[in-house]
Amino acid sequence: MVTLTDIDIIQLLRKNNLNQDTLQEDVVEKLSQKGLKVATAESCTGGLLSERITRVSGSSAVFDCGICSYSNSIKEKVLGVEKETLAVLGAVSAETAIQMAEGVFKLSGADIAVSTTGIAGPTGGTAEKPVGLVFMGVCTKEKAYAVKLTLGGEHQQNTRAYIRKLTTDAALFTVLSECYHTEK
């Protein structure tokens, strides 16, 4: 599994000449060009990813479904995350992120599904799962996988807003990357 830090995400965006503030516009444009649709399943980002996509004019052509599944019961009932996964591994795990993405993929019929689950803080962190630990799930018809994000380390900002924004940056970048590998 790939692990990205906040510095990695910022460097990936710079390397690809992408602006954090307009990344959602690039995503909507590329999805439109390819005739693809995206769906989201969000926990720690609380709908911010869906909001960033839908703030772009024309997003209705590429976005049909966003599920804000903050509670475990909604992850289980709506997205089909296995009760055992939540009980044994917890909501903040690669397996939960993948199952969330798979669930919204099936529910929506989108070409690309992305999920976010993690600890945005400032409270809720533990030694095993510190504030800033986020798992992002991705599902297409060809594959499903997770990306681990470790955000807001000791020398970085450790605010809730910073972690949520960088998580959505990583998710948008991943959707943009998947556009190049996904066919209608």
Protein backbone atom coordinates (compact mmCIF):
# COMPACT_ATOMS: atom_id res chain seq x y z
CA MET A 1 0.00 0.00 0.00
CA VAL A 2 1.26 3.45 -0.89
CA THR A 3 1.70 5.89 2.00
CA LEU A 4 1.71 9.62 1.37
CA THR A 5 2.56 12.47 3.73
CA ASP A 6 1.36 16.04 3.41
CA ILE A 7 4.69 16.93 1.80
CA ASP A 8 4.28 14.09 -0.72
CA ILE A 9 0.83 15.35 -1.72
CA ILE A 10 2.01 18.92 -2.17
CA GLN A 11 5.02 17.75 -4.22
CA LEU A 12 2.82 15.53 -6.43
CA LEU A 13 0.57 18.47 -7.19
CA ARG A 14 3.50 20.78 -7.97
CA LYS A 15 5.23 18.15 -10.13
CA ASN A 16 2.05 17.83 -12.19
CA ASN A 17 1.49 21.61 -12.37
CA LEU A 18 -1.73 21.40 -10.37
CA ASN A 19 -3.05 24.11 -8.08
CA GLN A 20 -4.58 22.98 -4.77
CA ASP A 21 -7.26 25.66 -5.02
CA THR A 22 -8.44 24.70 -8.52
CA LEU A 23 -7.79 20.96 -8.47
CA GLN A 24 -11.52 20.20 -8.49
CA GLU A 25 -11.87 22.13 -11.76
CA ASP A 26 -9.17 19.97 -13.37
CA VAL A 27 -10.96 16.84 -12.14
CA VAL A 28 -14.38 17.87 -13.48
CA GLU A 29 -12.83 18.88 -16.81
CA LYS A 30 -10.95 15.56 -17.21
CA LEU A 31 -13.97 13.49 -16.17
CA SER A 32 -16.09 15.42 -18.70
CA GLN A 33 -13.54 14.92 -21.48
CA LYS A 34 -13.44 11.17 -20.83
CA GLY A 35 -17.21 10.80 -20.29
CA LEU A 36 -16.62 9.37 -16.81
CA LYS A 37 -18.51 9.71 -13.53
CA VAL A 38 -17.17 9.81 -9.98
CA ALA A 39 -18.87 8.98 -6.67
CA THR A 40 -17.69 9.65 -3.13
CA ALA A 41 -18.07 8.00 0.27
CA GLU A 42 -16.80 10.28 3.01
CA SER A 43 -16.25 9.98 6.71
CA CYS A 44 -13.49 12.26 8.05
CA THR A 45 -13.95 14.80 5.25
CA GLY A 46 -17.66 15.12 6.07
CA GLY A 47 -18.80 15.99 2.56
CA LEU A 48 -15.94 18.38 1.73
CA LEU A 49 -14.83 16.26 -1.21
CA SER A 50 -18.34 16.24 -2.68
CA GLU A 51 -18.61 19.97 -2.06
CA ARG A 52 -15.35 20.68 -3.86
CA ILE A 53 -16.50 18.70 -6.89
CA THR A 54 -19.99 20.20 -6.97
CA ARG A 55 -18.79 23.78 -6.60
CA VAL A 56 -17.58 23.49 -10.22
CA SER A 57 -20.07 24.47 -12.90
CA GLY A 58 -20.86 21.44 -15.04
CA SER A 59 -20.17 18.94 -12.26
CA SER A 60 -23.66 17.47 -12.59
CA ALA A 61 -22.48 15.75 -15.77
CA VAL A 62 -19.80 13.82 -13.86
CA PHE A 63 -21.10 13.50 -10.28
CA ASP A 64 -24.28 11.68 -9.24
CA CYS A 65 -23.63 10.43 -5.73
CA GLY A 66 -21.87 11.45 -2.56
CA ILE A 67 -22.47 9.59 0.70
CA CYS A 68 -21.43 11.16 3.99
CA SER A 69 -21.05 8.08 6.19
CA TYR A 70 -19.76 9.50 9.43
CA SER A 71 -21.12 6.72 11.64
CA ASN A 72 -20.20 3.06 11.51
CA SER A 73 -23.86 2.09 11.20
CA ILE A 74 -24.19 4.08 7.96
CA LYS A 75 -20.93 2.64 6.66
CA GLU A 76 -22.43 -0.79 7.27
CA LYS A 77 -26.09 -0.21 6.26
CA VAL A 78 -25.64 2.05 3.24
CA LEU A 79 -22.17 1.21 1.92
CA GLY A 80 -22.02 -2.46 2.87
CA VAL A 81 -18.89 -2.27 5.01
CA GLU A 82 -18.69 -5.61 6.83
CA LYS A 83 -19.61 -5.49 10.51
CA GLU A 84 -16.58 -7.69 11.27
CA THR A 85 -14.23 -5.25 9.48
CA LEU A 86 -15.50 -2.39 11.63
CA ALA A 87 -15.36 -4.47 14.83
CA VAL A 88 -11.89 -5.91 14.29
CA LEU A 89 -10.02 -3.27 12.27
CA GLY A 90 -12.12 -0.18 12.96
CA ALA A 91 -13.46 2.58 10.78
CA VAL A 92 -9.96 3.94 10.25
CA SER A 93 -8.42 1.12 8.22
CA ALA A 94 -7.47 0.31 4.65
CA GLU A 95 -10.08 -2.45 4.52
CA THR A 96 -12.87 -0.10 5.60
CA ALA A 97 -11.78 2.50 3.04
CA ILE A 98 -11.81 -0.09 0.24
CA GLN A 99 -15.21 -1.44 1.27
CA MET A 100 -16.61 2.11 1.42
CA ALA A 101 -15.35 2.81 -2.11
CA GLU A 102 -16.69 -0.52 -3.38
CA GLY A 103 -20.06 0.20 -1.75
CA VAL A 104 -20.52 3.62 -3.33
CA PHE A 105 -19.22 2.25 -6.64
CA LYS A 106 -21.96 -0.41 -6.67
CA LEU A 107 -24.63 1.97 -5.37
CA SER A 108 -23.91 4.75 -7.87
CA GLY A 109 -22.79 2.98 -11.01
CA ALA A 110 -19.94 5.50 -11.28
CA ASP A 111 -16.75 4.74 -13.19
CA ILE A 112 -14.50 5.86 -10.31
CA ALA A 113 -15.36 5.80 -6.61
CA VAL A 114 -13.26 7.28 -3.85
CA SER A 115 -13.66 7.13 -0.06
CA THR A 116 -12.09 8.85 2.92
CA THR A 117 -11.93 7.61 6.50
CA GLY A 118 -9.56 8.83 9.18
CA ILE A 119 -8.89 10.97 12.21
CA ALA A 120 -9.06 14.67 11.41
CA GLY A 121 -8.64 15.72 15.04
CA PRO A 122 -7.88 17.62 17.04
CA THR A 123 -9.17 14.84 19.34
CA GLY A 124 -9.73 11.15 18.75
CA GLY A 125 -6.16 10.11 18.02
CA THR A 126 -4.38 7.24 19.75
CA ALA A 127 -0.82 5.90 19.68
CA GLU A 128 -1.90 3.30 17.07
CA LYS A 129 -4.10 5.70 15.09
CA PRO A 130 -2.87 9.26 15.56
CA VAL A 131 -4.57 12.44 14.40
CA GLY A 132 -3.82 12.82 10.70
CA LEU A 133 -4.04 9.11 9.87
CA VAL A 134 -6.39 8.75 6.91
CA PHE A 135 -7.15 5.90 4.53
CA MET A 136 -8.47 6.63 1.09
CA GLY A 137 -10.21 3.90 -0.87
CA VAL A 138 -10.49 3.78 -4.66
CA CYS A 139 -12.66 1.51 -6.77
CA THR A 140 -13.01 1.15 -10.53
CA LYS A 141 -14.33 -1.78 -12.55
CA GLU A 142 -10.73 -3.05 -12.84
CA LYS A 143 -9.48 -2.67 -9.27
CA ALA A 144 -9.96 -1.58 -5.68
CA TYR A 145 -7.16 -0.36 -3.44
CA ALA A 146 -6.31 1.87 -0.50
CA VAL A 147 -3.83 4.69 0.01
CA LYS A 148 -2.58 5.55 3.50
CA LEU A 149 -2.17 9.23 4.32
CA THR A 150 -0.15 10.46 7.30
CA LEU A 151 -0.93 14.15 7.56
CA GLY A 152 -0.15 16.92 9.99
CA GLY A 153 3.02 15.55 11.55
CA GLU A 154 4.96 17.27 14.31
CA HIS A 155 6.48 19.92 12.07
CA GLN A 156 3.37 20.47 9.99
CA GLN A 157 0.02 22.02 10.70
CA ASN A 158 -2.07 19.64 12.72
CA THR A 159 -5.43 21.33 12.38
CA ARG A 160 -8.67 19.67 11.42
CA ALA A 161 -9.11 22.01 8.44
CA TYR A 162 -5.59 21.27 7.16
CA ILE A 163 -6.01 17.50 7.40
CA ARG A 164 -9.44 17.56 5.73
CA LYS A 165 -8.23 19.84 2.91
CA LEU A 166 -5.13 17.74 2.19
CA THR A 167 -7.22 14.57 2.27
CA THR A 168 -9.52 16.01 -0.39
CA ASP A 169 -6.48 17.17 -2.40
CA ALA A 170 -5.15 13.60 -2.33
CA ALA A 171 -8.55 12.19 -3.31
CA LEU A 172 -8.99 14.64 -6.19
CA PHE A 173 -5.46 13.95 -7.43
CA THR A 174 -6.17 10.22 -7.30
CA VAL A 175 -9.42 10.61 -9.24
CA LEU A 176 -7.57 12.68 -11.83
CA SER A 177 -4.89 9.98 -12.10
CA GLU A 178 -7.52 7.25 -12.44
CA CYS A 179 -9.12 9.16 -15.34
CA TYR A 180 -6.07 8.29 -17.43
CA HIS A 181 -6.48 4.56 -16.71
CA THR A 182 -10.27 4.22 -16.80
CA GLU A 183 -12.26 3.69 -19.95
CA LYS A 184 -15.98 4.20 -20.33
